[in-house]
Protein backbone atom coordinates (compact mmCIF):
# COMPACT_ATOMS: atom_id res chain seq x y z
CA MET A 1 -11.74 19.22 13.09
CA PRO A 2 -12.65 18.00 16.59
CA ALA A 3 -12.66 20.60 19.39
CA THR A 4 -10.55 18.40 21.65
CA PRO A 5 -7.60 16.11 20.83
CA THR A 6 -8.54 12.60 19.76
CA PRO A 7 -6.60 9.34 20.13
CA ALA A 8 -3.98 8.73 17.44
CA ILE A 9 -3.05 5.39 15.90
CA THR A 10 -0.59 4.24 13.27
CA VAL A 11 -1.82 1.65 10.78
CA VAL A 12 -0.15 -0.27 7.97
CA ALA A 13 -2.24 -1.42 4.99
CA ALA A 14 -1.58 -3.69 2.02
CA ILE A 15 -2.07 -3.23 -1.70
CA ILE A 16 -2.20 -6.86 -2.84
CA ARG A 17 -2.23 -7.30 -6.61
CA GLY A 18 -3.00 -10.64 -8.21
CA GLU A 19 -1.35 -11.87 -11.38
CA ASP A 20 -4.45 -10.74 -13.28
CA GLY A 21 -4.12 -7.20 -11.88
CA ARG A 22 -7.04 -7.44 -9.46
CA ILE A 23 -6.75 -5.99 -5.95
CA CYS A 24 -7.49 -7.96 -2.77
CA LEU A 25 -9.74 -6.18 -0.25
CA SER A 26 -11.42 -7.14 3.00
CA LYS A 27 -14.62 -5.81 4.53
CA ARG A 28 -14.53 -4.33 8.02
CA PRO A 29 -16.83 -6.02 10.57
CA ASP A 30 -19.96 -3.99 11.26
CA HIS A 31 -19.11 -3.47 14.94
CA LYS A 32 -15.69 -1.87 14.25
CA HIS A 33 -14.77 1.74 13.45
CA GLN A 34 -15.86 2.42 9.84
CA GLY A 35 -17.60 -0.97 9.92
CA GLY A 36 -19.21 -2.45 6.81
CA ARG A 37 -16.78 -0.73 4.44
CA TRP A 38 -14.18 -2.27 2.19
CA GLU A 39 -10.55 -1.62 3.10
CA PHE A 40 -7.00 -2.52 2.19
CA PRO A 41 -6.04 -5.30 4.62
CA GLY A 42 -3.75 -4.48 7.52
CA GLY A 43 -3.83 -3.27 11.08
CA LYS A 44 -2.16 -1.36 13.90
CA VAL A 45 1.60 -1.01 14.14
CA GLU A 46 3.07 -1.95 17.51
CA PRO A 47 5.46 0.57 19.15
CA GLY A 48 8.91 0.26 17.58
CA GLU A 49 7.74 -2.30 15.02
CA PRO A 50 9.14 -1.86 11.47
CA LEU A 51 6.36 -1.24 8.96
CA ALA A 52 7.27 -4.19 6.74
CA ASP A 53 7.26 -6.53 9.75
CA ALA A 54 3.96 -5.13 11.00
CA LEU A 55 2.29 -5.71 7.64
CA ALA A 56 3.67 -9.24 7.31
CA ARG A 57 2.34 -10.03 10.80
CA GLU A 58 -1.11 -8.55 10.09
CA LEU A 59 -1.45 -10.37 6.76
CA HIS A 60 -0.53 -13.65 8.43
CA GLU A 61 -3.08 -13.10 11.21
CA GLU A 62 -5.89 -11.77 9.02
CA LEU A 63 -5.44 -13.57 5.69
CA ALA A 64 -3.10 -16.53 6.39
CA MET A 65 -0.53 -15.05 4.01
CA GLU A 66 3.01 -16.22 4.75
CA GLU A 67 6.29 -14.33 4.37
CA ALA A 68 4.71 -11.25 2.77
CA LEU A 69 7.26 -8.82 1.37
CA SER A 70 6.30 -5.20 0.78
CA SER A 71 7.58 -1.77 -0.25
CA PRO A 72 6.29 1.78 0.40
CA PHE A 73 3.42 3.12 -1.71
CA MET A 74 2.06 6.22 0.05
CA THR A 75 1.24 7.53 3.54
CA ILE A 76 -1.94 9.37 4.48
CA ALA A 77 -2.78 11.19 7.70
CA HIS A 78 -6.53 11.52 8.31
CA GLN A 79 -8.58 13.06 11.09
CA TYR A 80 -11.89 11.35 11.78
CA GLU A 81 -14.28 12.81 14.35
CA ASP A 82 -13.16 10.35 17.01
CA ILE A 83 -9.62 9.36 16.02
CA HIS A 84 -6.52 10.48 14.09
CA VAL A 85 -5.10 7.80 11.81
CA THR A 86 -1.75 7.67 10.03
CA LEU A 87 -1.94 4.98 7.34
CA HIS A 88 1.19 3.60 5.73
CA PHE A 89 0.11 1.88 2.50
CA ARG A 90 2.55 -0.65 1.09
CA ASP A 91 2.75 -2.62 -2.16
CA VAL A 92 2.90 -6.34 -1.39
CA THR A 93 5.41 -7.76 -3.83
CA ALA A 94 5.54 -11.44 -2.81
CA TRP A 95 3.88 -13.92 -0.43
CA ARG A 96 3.02 -17.58 0.03
CA GLY A 97 -0.50 -18.94 0.31
CA VAL A 98 -3.95 -17.84 -0.80
CA PRO A 99 -5.47 -14.83 1.04
CA GLU A 100 -8.48 -16.04 3.06
CA GLY A 101 -10.28 -14.30 5.91
CA GLN A 102 -9.20 -15.72 9.27
CA GLU A 103 -11.42 -13.52 11.44
CA GLY A 104 -14.78 -14.04 9.73
CA GLN A 105 -14.29 -11.02 7.46
CA GLN A 106 -15.34 -11.04 3.80
CA VAL A 107 -12.42 -11.07 1.35
CA ALA A 108 -12.76 -10.41 -2.38
CA TRP A 109 -10.73 -9.43 -5.46
CA PHE A 110 -11.67 -6.40 -7.56
CA ALA A 111 -10.47 -5.00 -10.86
CA PRO A 112 -8.82 -1.56 -10.37
CA GLY A 113 -11.65 0.08 -12.31
CA GLU A 114 -14.20 -1.29 -9.85
CA LEU A 115 -12.64 0.30 -6.76
CA ALA A 116 -14.17 3.74 -7.32
CA GLU A 117 -17.66 2.27 -6.91
CA LEU A 118 -16.95 0.65 -3.52
CA ASN A 119 -17.61 2.12 -0.09
CA PHE A 120 -14.25 2.82 1.60
CA PRO A 121 -13.30 4.66 4.80
CA ALA A 122 -12.53 8.28 3.90
CA ALA A 123 -8.81 7.82 4.59
CA ASN A 124 -8.61 5.13 1.88
CA ARG A 125 -10.10 7.18 -0.97
CA PRO A 126 -6.85 8.89 -2.12
CA VAL A 127 -5.22 5.47 -2.46
CA VAL A 128 -8.02 4.32 -4.77
CA THR A 129 -7.09 7.21 -7.08
CA ALA A 130 -3.35 6.58 -6.70
CA ILE A 131 -3.72 2.96 -7.80
CA SER A 132 -5.17 4.16 -11.12
CA LEU A 133 -2.09 6.29 -11.85
CA PRO A 134 1.01 5.24 -13.80
CA PRO A 135 4.18 5.31 -11.69
CA CYS A 136 5.96 7.41 -14.32
CA LEU A 137 4.73 10.55 -16.07
CA ALA A 138 6.53 11.57 -19.25
CA ILE A 139 6.29 15.24 -20.23
CA ALA A 140 6.12 15.82 -23.99
CA PRO A 141 9.14 17.83 -25.21
CA GLU A 142 8.30 21.20 -26.71
CA ALA A 143 11.04 21.43 -29.34
CA GLN A 144 9.82 18.59 -31.54
CA ASP A 145 7.67 18.18 -34.62
CA PRO A 146 4.30 16.39 -34.21
CA GLU A 147 5.22 13.39 -36.37
CA THR A 148 8.32 12.68 -34.29
CA LEU A 149 6.36 13.04 -31.06
CA MET A 150 3.67 10.63 -32.26
CA ALA A 151 6.31 8.11 -33.27
CA ARG A 152 7.96 8.37 -29.85
CA ILE A 153 4.64 7.97 -28.03
CA GLN A 154 4.25 4.53 -29.59
CA GLY A 155 7.39 3.45 -27.73
CA LEU A 156 6.02 4.27 -24.27
CA ASP A 157 5.05 1.45 -21.91
CA ALA A 158 1.37 2.23 -21.28
CA ALA A 159 1.27 0.18 -18.07
CA ARG A 160 4.03 2.23 -16.43
CA THR A 161 4.08 5.61 -18.16
CA GLY A 162 1.47 8.32 -18.62
CA LEU A 163 1.89 11.38 -20.85
CA TYR A 164 1.54 15.05 -19.98
CA LEU A 165 1.02 17.09 -23.16
CA ARG A 166 2.12 20.27 -21.42
CA ASN A 167 2.86 22.64 -24.31
CA TRP A 168 0.82 20.58 -26.77
CA SER A 169 -2.51 20.95 -24.99
CA GLN A 170 -3.81 23.54 -27.49
CA HIS A 171 -1.61 22.57 -30.45
CA PRO A 172 -3.38 22.23 -33.83
CA GLU A 173 -2.21 18.60 -33.99
CA ARG A 174 -3.37 17.77 -30.47
CA ASP A 175 -6.33 15.63 -31.49
CA ARG A 176 -4.18 13.52 -33.80
CA ILE A 177 -1.75 13.02 -30.93
CA LEU A 178 -4.62 11.98 -28.66
CA GLU A 179 -5.75 9.43 -31.25
CA VAL A 180 -2.29 7.85 -31.18
CA CYS A 181 -2.37 7.78 -27.38
CA ALA A 182 -5.80 6.14 -27.38
CA ARG A 183 -4.67 3.41 -29.78
CA HIS A 184 -1.79 2.59 -27.44
CA ASP A 185 -3.77 2.95 -24.16
CA ILE A 186 -1.61 5.85 -22.95
CA ARG A 187 -3.16 7.84 -20.11
CA VAL A 188 -2.97 11.54 -21.06
CA TRP A 189 -2.94 14.76 -19.04
CA LEU A 190 -3.69 18.15 -20.63
CA ARG A 191 -2.72 21.53 -19.17
CA ALA A 192 -5.49 23.82 -17.96
CA ASP A 193 -5.32 27.38 -19.22
CA SER A 194 -7.95 28.73 -16.81
CA PRO A 195 -9.59 27.73 -13.50
CA ALA A 196 -12.47 26.31 -15.54
CA GLY A 197 -10.15 23.89 -17.33
CA LEU A 198 -9.34 24.24 -21.00
CA VAL A 199 -10.70 26.83 -23.42
CA GLY A 200 -12.85 24.94 -25.90
CA GLY A 201 -13.43 22.10 -23.45
CA LEU A 202 -11.65 18.83 -22.80
CA PRO A 203 -11.72 16.20 -25.56
CA ASP A 204 -13.08 12.73 -24.82
CA GLY A 205 -10.63 10.22 -23.45
CA VAL A 206 -8.42 12.63 -21.51
CA PHE A 207 -7.32 10.98 -18.26
CA GLY A 208 -6.01 14.00 -16.33
CA LEU A 209 -6.21 17.78 -16.15
CA HIS A 210 -3.10 19.53 -14.82
CA LEU A 211 -3.18 22.99 -13.26
CA PRO A 212 0.04 25.00 -13.60
CA ALA A 213 0.94 27.13 -10.59
CA SER A 214 -0.58 30.30 -12.07
CA VAL A 215 -3.93 28.60 -12.72
CA LEU A 216 -3.97 26.95 -9.29
CA ALA A 217 -3.45 30.37 -7.70
CA ASP A 218 -6.62 31.67 -9.40
CA CYS A 219 -8.79 28.63 -8.62
CA GLU A 220 -11.60 28.97 -6.10
CA GLY A 221 -12.90 25.43 -6.56
CA ARG A 222 -12.07 22.12 -8.20
CA PRO A 223 -12.54 22.27 -11.99
CA ALA A 224 -15.61 20.41 -13.25
CA PHE A 225 -13.71 17.45 -14.67
CA ALA A 226 -14.54 13.84 -13.84
CA GLY A 227 -10.99 12.57 -14.32
CA VAL A 228 -7.85 13.09 -12.27
CA VAL A 229 -7.00 16.72 -11.46
CA SER A 230 -3.40 17.51 -10.57
CA ALA A 231 -1.49 20.70 -9.81
CA ALA A 232 2.06 22.03 -9.97
CA CYS A 233 3.24 22.68 -6.41
CA HIS A 234 6.49 24.52 -5.70
CA ASP A 235 5.71 25.37 -2.06
CA GLN A 236 3.62 24.14 0.84
CA GLN A 237 0.99 26.84 0.33
CA ALA A 238 0.24 25.41 -3.12
CA LEU A 239 -0.01 21.90 -1.66
CA GLU A 240 -2.38 23.13 1.05
CA LYS A 241 -4.56 24.75 -1.61
CA ALA A 242 -4.57 21.57 -3.72
CA VAL A 243 -5.81 19.66 -0.66
CA ARG A 244 -8.39 22.33 0.15
CA LEU A 245 -9.78 22.21 -3.40
CA GLY A 246 -10.07 18.42 -3.25
CA LEU A 247 -7.59 17.77 -6.06
CA ASP A 248 -6.24 14.27 -6.65
CA SER A 249 -2.55 14.71 -7.36
CA ALA A 250 0.40 17.10 -7.15
CA LEU A 251 3.69 17.46 -9.02
CA ILE A 252 6.24 18.57 -6.42
CA SER A 253 9.27 20.33 -7.91
CA PRO A 254 12.11 20.85 -8.33
CA VAL A 255 13.47 17.98 -6.27
CA ASN A 256 16.97 18.24 -7.76
CA PRO A 257 18.75 20.99 -9.72
CA THR A 258 17.74 21.07 -13.39
CA THR A 259 19.34 22.48 -16.53
CA THR A 260 16.01 23.97 -17.63
CA HIS A 261 15.61 26.02 -14.42
CA PRO A 262 19.17 26.51 -13.11
CA ASP A 263 18.23 29.52 -10.96
CA GLN A 264 15.40 27.76 -9.10
CA PRO A 265 16.63 26.32 -5.77
CA ALA A 266 16.16 22.57 -5.49
CA LEU A 267 14.07 21.23 -2.61
CA GLY A 268 16.11 18.09 -2.05
CA TRP A 269 14.61 14.69 -1.27
CA GLU A 270 14.21 15.30 2.44
CA THR A 271 12.15 18.48 2.08
CA ALA A 272 10.12 17.13 -0.84
CA GLY A 273 9.39 14.02 1.21
CA GLN A 274 8.28 16.04 4.21
CA TRP A 275 5.86 17.92 1.98
CA ALA A 276 4.40 14.81 0.33
CA THR A 277 4.11 12.43 3.28
CA GLY A 278 0.68 12.32 4.89
CA LEU A 279 -1.18 14.33 2.26
CA PRO A 280 -4.41 13.00 0.67
CA LEU A 281 -2.74 13.61 -2.69
CA ALA A 282 -0.97 11.20 -5.02
CA CYS A 283 2.31 13.07 -5.45
CA TYR A 284 4.86 12.87 -8.25
CA MET A 285 8.44 14.03 -7.74
CA LEU A 286 9.66 16.22 -10.62
CA GLY A 287 12.96 17.90 -11.41
CA GLY A 288 16.21 16.08 -12.11
CA VAL A 289 14.69 12.64 -11.56
CA GLY A 290 14.16 9.58 -13.74
CA PRO A 291 12.33 6.24 -13.68
CA GLY A 292 15.22 4.79 -11.68
CA ASP A 293 14.29 7.11 -8.81
CA LEU A 294 10.83 5.55 -8.32
CA THR A 295 11.82 3.52 -5.25
CA LYS A 296 13.44 6.58 -3.68
CA ALA A 297 10.38 8.70 -4.48
CA ARG A 298 8.09 6.19 -2.76
CA GLN A 299 10.38 6.12 0.24
CA HIS A 300 9.81 9.88 0.40
CA GLY A 301 6.02 9.85 0.22
CA ALA A 302 5.37 10.09 -3.53
CA VAL A 303 3.65 7.51 -5.73
CA GLY A 304 5.60 8.33 -8.86
CA VAL A 305 8.20 10.36 -10.74
CA ALA A 306 7.85 12.76 -13.67
CA GLY A 307 10.09 14.48 -16.17
CA ILE A 308 11.09 15.00 -19.76
CA ARG A 309 14.46 13.63 -20.88
CA ALA A 310 14.76 10.43 -18.87
CA PHE A 311 11.22 9.17 -19.45
CA TRP A 312 11.33 8.34 -23.15
CA PRO A 313 12.61 5.00 -24.52
CA ALA A 314 16.30 4.98 -25.39
CA GLY A 315 16.85 5.66 -29.06
CA ALA A 316 13.28 6.87 -29.61
């Protein structure tokens, strides 16, 4: 952290997805702050300017995009040596025209899997991870036989829903379940049982490693896992530790009262949103929520929602 206060700016930035799933990026001019790096297009927010209006204006000025509509994705607060930046990232849902650089900047489209290899400003890196995540995370029910679970997994929408095999992470049938997930392109999280990860090691093809609160408390460093590492966070101290360890994601809970934990006080959307907003973590809201709460979750700083009952196809 700098010894003296630095200037602070508020920026809005666009996640522009083409019909083929590629992401539109622009390269910062060499003479600007963080010059020569790729970034999500956007710019400064004028005092009192609504974020959606600011982004539409910036995209018109920078890329000749007309009538851009957008919705919240995530907000990150980042301290550089010389400036403090609050970045409001927004999903661009509609526009007219073809994005083309209007200020001499390079503009290009990249597949989501290519983003991790690009040189971004540090404040953009958590968004690169967040883009790779499904907006919904289904938790596998415990009271179920393996054959039923595998049949239900085949009904998940792989583009929108990932799977957390919480109580199945060391089950004798786990590898068979993982094979079903792989055939259907389901992104899978396993639960760590120690700060090192999982006893016996992590199988190939696992997308995420999740640290329950008890394991996070014992961690002194990020587990040696190349995929996404998330943590259960029930208080701000846990969130601060997840940031300090350089984790990628957090499950904030419980947002609402739940039947499974009736004695655990609910945070409520306002508090959960205050915790999530600004963190360099892709947060999921958990506890009494469903896929229909995704828009609300994003309005409160999260990138997604997670749970058990509401996240499986009806009738499955």
